[in-house]
Each structure stands twice: as structure tokens, then as C-alpha cells.
Amino acid sequence: MCLRSFPRLMLLVALLAPPIGLTALAASLPQSGPSATETGMDLNARTLSRQIHEDGAEATVRTLDTHRAWPRLRRAVAAGWDGWIELVPDLIAHTDDATARQLRTALRQALPRNPHAVLSVLDPGNGPLLGAGALCTPHGMPARWAHDSMRAISAEHDIHLTHQVNDCLAALSASTTATGKANSGT
């Protein structure tokens, strides 16, 4: 029985040897440098939060500009990661209009993924930067986004977010009825 499995073992070794060798070769190569749009800044939510606390939000925004780290931050926010979303209110007030618009888009993308975190940073006074009128609109979003967002927000039952939930649902309802796509499910 052992002799019969030997050819299978040799075949397995022959098939796995090149990928293992390529993996070892790739691991031994030096790491490539930062891309043209991003640098190797040690960027994580905890570090950024500490920098905001120690240096202030305005200095942190300048650092993000210098290191071209906004794309990484926006991707993390759009993915719905709590720690990153919590940083947006501190940063957005000190950014230029284009960056603020991109941060709002990232928050919109995160809304159906992590409604609790996005609603937590929503301005209860419905301000121009982070109010429901600014975030809970389908501007620049796929057609299905409004339906998915309404469903996710409706499932949020945190008593501390009642006003934000109602404001966001009202803004979404108003925008979807204005476009004639209310309750279409698309």
C-alpha cells in the first residue's frame, strides 16, 4: 500500500515545488516603495487618533496631505471600520472642499455596511458637513445603495441615535421619492 501511494506523493511534490519556490523567492525580495499616490506612513486608526489628540486635527490633516494618506483613510472609512469612521468628524472640519466631499462619499459607502458607526458621527443638528442632508443622499452612489441603506438604518435600534436614524431615513425617503425610485428595490 505504501508503494502505491509513492507516485502520488512524488506528483504532489512536483506540483507544489514551483509555487513554494516562487513564494520563497517573493518573500526574499525587498519590499517595493510607496506608490505615487500613497506613502508608507504608519497609518492606523489608533495612531491617527493619538496624533489628533496630541497635535490637533489641523496638524493631522496637514500630515495626511503631506504623506498622501487620504486614499488609505477613505478606503478604511468606506469599508465601515469603526475606528476610522470615528475620526472623520475631527478631520473633516479642517479639510478642503474636495477632501470633505470625498470623506462624505466614503461615509455614504459605509452607511449600509456599518450604520451604527456612521449614524454615531452624524451631526444631530443636520449641519452642512456631517448632517443627514449631506450624508444620507444617494448622490454618486449606485442605484441599490438607497434601498440597502434604508434597510440597514431601519434595523438600528440604539436609543441614543433615534434623531439621527429619523433624520437619515427622512433624507433618504425624500431623495428617493424625488428621483422616482422609492421602494423599487434597485
Protein backbone atom coordinates (compact mmCIF):
# COMPACT_ATOMS: atom_id res chain seq x y z
CA MET A 1 0.00 0.00 0.00
CA CYS A 2 2.84 2.35 0.80
CA LEU A 3 4.43 1.74 -2.57
CA ARG A 4 1.21 2.53 -4.41
CA SER A 5 0.95 5.99 -2.81
CA PHE A 6 4.59 6.85 -3.56
CA PRO A 7 3.89 8.05 -7.17
CA ARG A 8 1.07 10.22 -5.85
CA LEU A 9 3.41 11.71 -3.28
CA MET A 10 6.01 12.45 -5.96
CA LEU A 11 3.31 14.06 -8.13
CA LEU A 12 2.23 16.22 -5.20
CA VAL A 13 5.83 17.29 -4.55
CA ALA A 14 6.34 18.07 -8.24
CA LEU A 15 3.20 20.21 -8.33
CA LEU A 16 3.88 22.10 -5.09
CA ALA A 17 7.60 22.72 -5.52
CA PRO A 18 7.36 25.61 -8.04
CA PRO A 19 4.78 27.62 -6.04
CA ILE A 20 6.72 27.07 -2.82
CA GLY A 21 9.90 28.19 -4.53
CA LEU A 22 8.21 31.26 -6.01
CA THR A 23 6.74 32.14 -2.63
CA ALA A 24 10.16 31.90 -1.02
CA LEU A 25 11.65 34.00 -3.82
CA ALA A 26 8.95 36.66 -3.45
CA ALA A 27 9.46 36.77 0.31
CA SER A 28 13.18 37.32 -0.14
CA LEU A 29 12.74 40.29 -2.50
CA PRO A 30 12.96 43.76 -0.98
CA GLN A 31 9.66 45.46 -0.34
CA SER A 32 8.62 47.85 -3.06
CA GLY A 33 8.46 51.50 -2.15
CA PRO A 34 5.28 53.51 -1.77
CA SER A 35 3.14 54.13 -4.81
CA ALA A 36 2.96 57.51 -6.46
CA THR A 37 -0.26 58.32 -4.60
CA GLU A 38 0.48 56.87 -1.18
CA THR A 39 3.47 56.74 1.09
CA GLY A 40 4.48 54.22 3.69
CA MET A 41 3.18 56.31 6.60
CA ASP A 42 2.32 54.07 9.54
CA LEU A 43 -1.38 54.68 9.26
CA ASN A 44 -3.83 53.01 11.57
CA ALA A 45 -6.83 54.36 13.45
CA ARG A 46 -5.17 54.25 16.86
CA THR A 47 -2.07 56.14 15.68
CA LEU A 48 -4.15 58.71 13.86
CA SER A 49 -6.42 59.18 16.87
CA ARG A 50 -3.39 59.70 19.10
CA GLN A 51 -1.96 62.21 16.62
CA ILE A 52 -5.24 64.15 16.56
CA HIS A 53 -5.27 64.19 20.37
CA GLU A 54 -1.61 65.24 20.73
CA ASP A 55 -1.03 67.51 17.70
CA GLY A 56 -4.56 68.62 16.90
CA ALA A 57 -6.79 67.88 13.94
CA GLU A 58 -5.41 70.66 11.74
CA ALA A 59 -1.82 69.40 12.06
CA THR A 60 -3.01 65.83 11.43
CA VAL A 61 -4.77 66.94 8.25
CA ARG A 62 -1.54 68.59 7.08
CA THR A 63 0.34 65.35 7.81
CA LEU A 64 -2.21 63.32 5.85
CA ASP A 65 -1.83 65.78 2.96
CA THR A 66 1.97 65.62 3.09
CA HIS A 67 2.04 61.83 3.16
CA ARG A 68 -0.76 61.49 0.62
CA ALA A 69 -2.53 59.16 3.02
CA TRP A 70 -6.11 60.23 2.28
CA PRO A 71 -6.82 57.31 -0.11
CA ARG A 72 -5.99 54.77 2.61
CA LEU A 73 -8.12 56.61 5.15
CA ARG A 74 -11.06 56.88 2.74
CA ARG A 75 -10.88 53.15 1.91
CA ALA A 76 -10.93 52.26 5.61
CA VAL A 77 -13.91 54.57 6.23
CA ALA A 78 -15.77 53.24 3.17
CA ALA A 79 -15.19 49.69 4.39
CA GLY A 80 -17.12 50.63 7.54
CA TRP A 81 -14.32 50.24 10.07
CA ASP A 82 -15.43 51.79 13.38
CA GLY A 83 -12.15 53.31 14.49
CA TRP A 84 -11.67 55.11 11.19
CA ILE A 85 -15.23 56.40 10.95
CA GLU A 86 -14.91 57.93 14.43
CA LEU A 87 -12.01 60.08 13.19
CA VAL A 88 -13.92 61.76 10.37
CA PRO A 89 -15.69 64.48 12.43
CA ASP A 90 -12.37 65.69 13.84
CA LEU A 91 -10.70 65.76 10.43
CA ILE A 92 -13.42 66.94 8.05
CA ALA A 93 -13.69 70.42 9.54
CA HIS A 94 -10.05 71.12 8.64
CA THR A 95 -10.01 69.74 5.09
CA ASP A 96 -10.54 71.46 1.77
CA ASP A 97 -13.87 71.12 -0.03
CA ALA A 98 -12.72 68.29 -2.32
CA THR A 99 -11.41 66.17 0.56
CA ALA A 100 -14.53 66.84 2.63
CA ARG A 101 -16.67 65.72 -0.31
CA GLN A 102 -14.60 62.53 -0.66
CA LEU A 103 -14.89 61.81 3.07
CA ARG A 104 -18.68 62.23 2.87
CA THR A 105 -18.75 59.80 -0.07
CA ALA A 106 -16.72 57.29 1.97
CA LEU A 107 -19.20 57.66 4.84
CA ARG A 108 -22.08 57.10 2.39
CA GLN A 109 -20.39 53.92 1.20
CA ALA A 110 -20.05 52.77 4.81
CA LEU A 111 -23.67 53.51 5.71
CA PRO A 112 -25.18 50.16 4.61
CA ARG A 113 -22.14 48.27 5.97
CA ASN A 114 -21.93 49.84 9.42
CA PRO A 115 -24.93 52.09 10.03
CA HIS A 116 -24.29 52.36 13.78
CA ALA A 117 -20.82 53.87 13.30
CA VAL A 118 -21.93 56.27 10.55
CA LEU A 119 -25.03 57.38 12.43
CA SER A 120 -22.85 57.94 15.51
CA VAL A 121 -20.84 60.59 13.67
CA LEU A 122 -23.89 62.15 12.01
CA ASP A 123 -24.49 65.71 13.15
CA PRO A 124 -27.76 65.74 15.13
CA GLY A 125 -28.15 69.40 14.17
CA ASN A 126 -28.11 68.42 10.47
CA GLY A 127 -25.05 70.57 9.73
CA PRO A 128 -23.62 71.03 6.25
CA LEU A 129 -20.58 68.79 6.75
CA LEU A 130 -21.97 65.74 8.54
CA GLY A 131 -25.71 66.26 8.69
CA ALA A 132 -28.29 63.83 7.33
CA GLY A 133 -28.94 66.18 4.41
CA ALA A 134 -25.29 65.90 3.42
CA LEU A 135 -24.69 62.19 4.07
CA CYS A 136 -27.99 60.42 3.59
CA THR A 137 -28.37 61.24 -0.08
CA PRO A 138 -27.72 58.89 -2.98
CA HIS A 139 -25.52 61.44 -4.78
CA GLY A 140 -22.79 59.50 -6.57
CA MET A 141 -23.92 56.14 -5.20
CA PRO A 142 -25.10 53.00 -7.04
CA ALA A 143 -28.84 52.58 -7.53
CA ARG A 144 -29.16 49.84 -4.90
CA TRP A 145 -27.40 51.91 -2.23
CA ALA A 146 -30.53 53.79 -1.06
CA HIS A 147 -32.51 50.58 -0.57
CA ASP A 148 -29.65 48.86 1.28
CA SER A 149 -29.03 51.94 3.42
CA MET A 150 -32.69 52.32 4.37
CA ARG A 151 -32.86 48.67 5.39
CA ALA A 152 -29.65 48.91 7.45
CA ILE A 153 -30.70 52.15 9.14
CA SER A 154 -34.16 50.79 9.92
CA ALA A 155 -32.53 47.88 11.74
CA GLU A 156 -30.63 50.28 14.04
CA HIS A 157 -32.33 50.42 17.45
CA ASP A 158 -29.94 52.46 19.57
CA ILE A 159 -31.97 54.95 21.62
CA HIS A 160 -29.05 57.42 21.52
CA LEU A 161 -29.24 57.56 17.74
CA THR A 162 -33.01 57.99 17.37
CA HIS A 163 -32.77 61.52 15.94
CA GLN A 164 -30.01 60.57 13.52
CA VAL A 165 -31.94 57.49 12.34
CA ASN A 166 -35.09 59.55 11.75
CA ASP A 167 -33.22 62.37 10.01
CA CYS A 168 -31.32 59.98 7.77
CA LEU A 169 -34.42 57.97 6.85
CA ALA A 170 -36.29 61.19 6.09
CA ALA A 171 -33.46 62.43 3.87
CA LEU A 172 -33.26 59.09 2.08
CA SER A 173 -37.02 58.95 1.59
CA ALA A 174 -37.08 62.49 0.24
CA SER A 175 -34.24 61.84 -2.18
CA THR A 176 -35.65 58.55 -3.45
CA THR A 177 -39.14 59.95 -3.99
CA ALA A 178 -37.64 62.94 -5.79
CA THR A 179 -35.90 60.60 -8.22
CA GLY A 180 -38.95 58.36 -8.58
CA LYS A 181 -37.13 55.28 -7.35
CA ALA A 182 -38.72 54.85 -3.95
CA ASN A 183 -39.18 51.25 -2.89
CA SER A 184 -38.06 49.96 -6.27
CA GLY A 185 -35.50 47.66 -4.69
CA THR A 186 -32.92 48.56 -7.31
